[in-house]
Amino acid sequence: MLRYTVIFLIIAIIAGILGFGGVAVGAAAIAKIFFYIFVILFICSLVFGNRIKN
């Protein structure tokens, strides 16, 4: 999940440098969504990970 975030962030940066504003905004929005999903899943795994093992 974090890998997709980095990929879309790099696409957004390259598109922004080349002047493709719409593509850069779209890729940055997708990267932000993937990052939030990653953070939520990470927190859930920290909270519920130990409960399942015990």
N, C-alpha and C. Protein backbone atom coordinates (compact mmCIF):
# COMPACT_ATOMS: atom_id res chain seq x y z
N MET A 1 0.83 -1.19 0.00
CA MET A 1 0.00 0.00 0.00
C MET A 1 0.88 1.25 0.00
N LEU A 2 1.90 1.24 0.82
CA LEU A 2 2.79 2.39 0.89
C LEU A 2 3.56 2.54 -0.42
N ARG A 3 3.79 1.43 -1.09
CA ARG A 3 4.49 1.48 -2.38
C ARG A 3 3.68 2.25 -3.42
N TYR A 4 2.36 2.01 -3.46
CA TYR A 4 1.51 2.74 -4.39
C TYR A 4 1.48 4.23 -4.07
N THR A 5 1.53 4.57 -2.80
CA THR A 5 1.56 5.97 -2.40
C THR A 5 2.79 6.65 -2.96
N VAL A 6 3.94 6.01 -2.82
CA VAL A 6 5.18 6.59 -3.31
C VAL A 6 5.17 6.69 -4.84
N ILE A 7 4.64 5.69 -5.50
CA ILE A 7 4.58 5.72 -6.97
C ILE A 7 3.72 6.88 -7.45
N PHE A 8 2.52 7.05 -6.87
CA PHE A 8 1.66 8.14 -7.30
C PHE A 8 2.23 9.50 -6.92
N LEU A 9 2.96 9.57 -5.80
CA LEU A 9 3.61 10.82 -5.42
C LEU A 9 4.69 11.20 -6.43
N ILE A 10 5.46 10.23 -6.87
CA ILE A 10 6.49 10.50 -7.88
C ILE A 10 5.86 10.91 -9.20
N ILE A 11 4.77 10.26 -9.58
CA ILE A 11 4.05 10.65 -10.80
C ILE A 11 3.55 12.08 -10.69
N ALA A 12 3.03 12.45 -9.52
CA ALA A 12 2.52 13.81 -9.32
C ALA A 12 3.64 14.83 -9.41
N ILE A 13 4.80 14.52 -8.84
CA ILE A 13 5.92 15.45 -8.90
C ILE A 13 6.42 15.63 -10.33
N ILE A 14 6.57 14.53 -11.06
CA ILE A 14 7.04 14.60 -12.44
C ILE A 14 6.04 15.34 -13.31
N ALA A 15 4.76 15.05 -13.14
CA ALA A 15 3.73 15.73 -13.93
C ALA A 15 3.69 17.22 -13.59
N GLY A 16 3.90 17.57 -12.34
CA GLY A 16 3.93 18.98 -11.96
C GLY A 16 5.11 19.71 -12.57
N ILE A 17 6.26 19.05 -12.61
CA ILE A 17 7.45 19.67 -13.21
C ILE A 17 7.26 19.86 -14.71
N LEU A 18 6.62 18.91 -15.36
CA LEU A 18 6.42 18.99 -16.80
C LEU A 18 5.24 19.88 -17.19
N GLY A 19 4.48 20.33 -16.23
CA GLY A 19 3.40 21.26 -16.52
C GLY A 19 2.03 20.64 -16.71
N PHE A 20 1.89 19.39 -16.41
CA PHE A 20 0.59 18.74 -16.51
C PHE A 20 -0.14 18.89 -15.18
N GLY A 21 -0.79 20.01 -14.99
CA GLY A 21 -1.41 20.33 -13.71
C GLY A 21 -2.52 19.38 -13.32
N GLY A 22 -3.39 19.03 -14.25
CA GLY A 22 -4.50 18.14 -13.95
C GLY A 22 -4.05 16.76 -13.55
N VAL A 23 -3.06 16.24 -14.25
CA VAL A 23 -2.52 14.91 -13.92
C VAL A 23 -1.84 14.94 -12.56
N ALA A 24 -1.11 16.02 -12.29
CA ALA A 24 -0.42 16.14 -11.01
C ALA A 24 -1.40 16.19 -9.85
N VAL A 25 -2.47 16.94 -10.01
CA VAL A 25 -3.48 17.03 -8.94
C VAL A 25 -4.16 15.68 -8.73
N GLY A 26 -4.49 15.01 -9.80
CA GLY A 26 -5.13 13.70 -9.69
C GLY A 26 -4.22 12.67 -9.04
N ALA A 27 -2.96 12.62 -9.45
CA ALA A 27 -2.03 11.66 -8.87
C ALA A 27 -1.76 11.97 -7.40
N ALA A 28 -1.68 13.24 -7.06
CA ALA A 28 -1.47 13.61 -5.65
C ALA A 28 -2.68 13.23 -4.80
N ALA A 29 -3.87 13.38 -5.35
CA ALA A 29 -5.09 13.01 -4.61
C ALA A 29 -5.13 11.50 -4.38
N ILE A 30 -4.77 10.73 -5.38
CA ILE A 30 -4.74 9.27 -5.24
C ILE A 30 -3.68 8.86 -4.23
N ALA A 31 -2.52 9.50 -4.27
CA ALA A 31 -1.46 9.20 -3.31
C ALA A 31 -1.91 9.50 -1.89
N LYS A 32 -2.65 10.61 -1.71
CA LYS A 32 -3.11 10.96 -0.38
C LYS A 32 -4.14 9.94 0.13
N ILE A 33 -5.02 9.48 -0.74
CA ILE A 33 -6.01 8.48 -0.35
C ILE A 33 -5.33 7.17 0.05
N PHE A 34 -4.37 6.72 -0.76
CA PHE A 34 -3.64 5.49 -0.44
C PHE A 34 -2.89 5.63 0.87
N PHE A 35 -2.31 6.81 1.12
CA PHE A 35 -1.58 7.02 2.37
C PHE A 35 -2.50 6.93 3.57
N TYR A 36 -3.68 7.53 3.49
CA TYR A 36 -4.62 7.46 4.61
C TYR A 36 -5.11 6.03 4.85
N ILE A 37 -5.35 5.29 3.79
CA ILE A 37 -5.75 3.89 3.93
C ILE A 37 -4.64 3.10 4.60
N PHE A 38 -3.39 3.36 4.19
CA PHE A 38 -2.25 2.68 4.78
C PHE A 38 -2.15 2.98 6.27
N VAL A 39 -2.30 4.23 6.65
CA VAL A 39 -2.21 4.61 8.06
C VAL A 39 -3.32 3.95 8.88
N ILE A 40 -4.53 3.93 8.36
CA ILE A 40 -5.64 3.30 9.07
C ILE A 40 -5.40 1.81 9.24
N LEU A 41 -4.95 1.12 8.20
CA LEU A 41 -4.67 -0.31 8.31
C LEU A 41 -3.51 -0.59 9.26
N PHE A 42 -2.52 0.29 9.26
CA PHE A 42 -1.38 0.13 10.16
C PHE A 42 -1.81 0.26 11.62
N ILE A 43 -2.63 1.26 11.91
CA ILE A 43 -3.12 1.45 13.28
C ILE A 43 -4.00 0.28 13.70
N CYS A 44 -4.85 -0.19 12.81
CA CYS A 44 -5.69 -1.35 13.13
C CYS A 44 -4.85 -2.58 13.41
N SER A 45 -3.79 -2.78 12.66
CA SER A 45 -2.94 -3.94 12.90
C SER A 45 -2.19 -3.81 14.21
N LEU A 46 -1.84 -2.60 14.62
CA LEU A 46 -1.20 -2.41 15.92
C LEU A 46 -2.17 -2.68 17.06
N VAL A 47 -3.40 -2.23 16.91
CA VAL A 47 -4.38 -2.38 17.98
C VAL A 47 -4.88 -3.82 18.08
N PHE A 48 -5.24 -4.40 16.97
CA PHE A 48 -5.87 -5.73 16.98
C PHE A 48 -4.89 -6.87 16.77
N GLY A 49 -3.66 -6.60 16.44
CA GLY A 49 -2.68 -7.65 16.16
C GLY A 49 -2.38 -8.50 17.36
N ASN A 50 -2.22 -7.89 18.53
CA ASN A 50 -1.90 -8.64 19.72
C ASN A 50 -3.10 -9.40 20.27
N ARG A 51 -4.29 -8.93 20.04
CA ARG A 51 -5.48 -9.59 20.55
C ARG A 51 -5.73 -10.92 19.85
N ILE A 52 -5.42 -11.00 18.60
CA ILE A 52 -5.65 -12.24 17.85
C ILE A 52 -4.67 -13.31 18.28
N LYS A 53 -3.42 -12.94 18.55
CA LYS A 53 -2.39 -13.92 18.93
C LYS A 53 -2.65 -14.50 20.31
N ASN A 54 -3.17 -13.72 21.21
CA ASN A 54 -3.36 -14.20 22.60
C ASN A 54 -4.64 -14.91 22.69
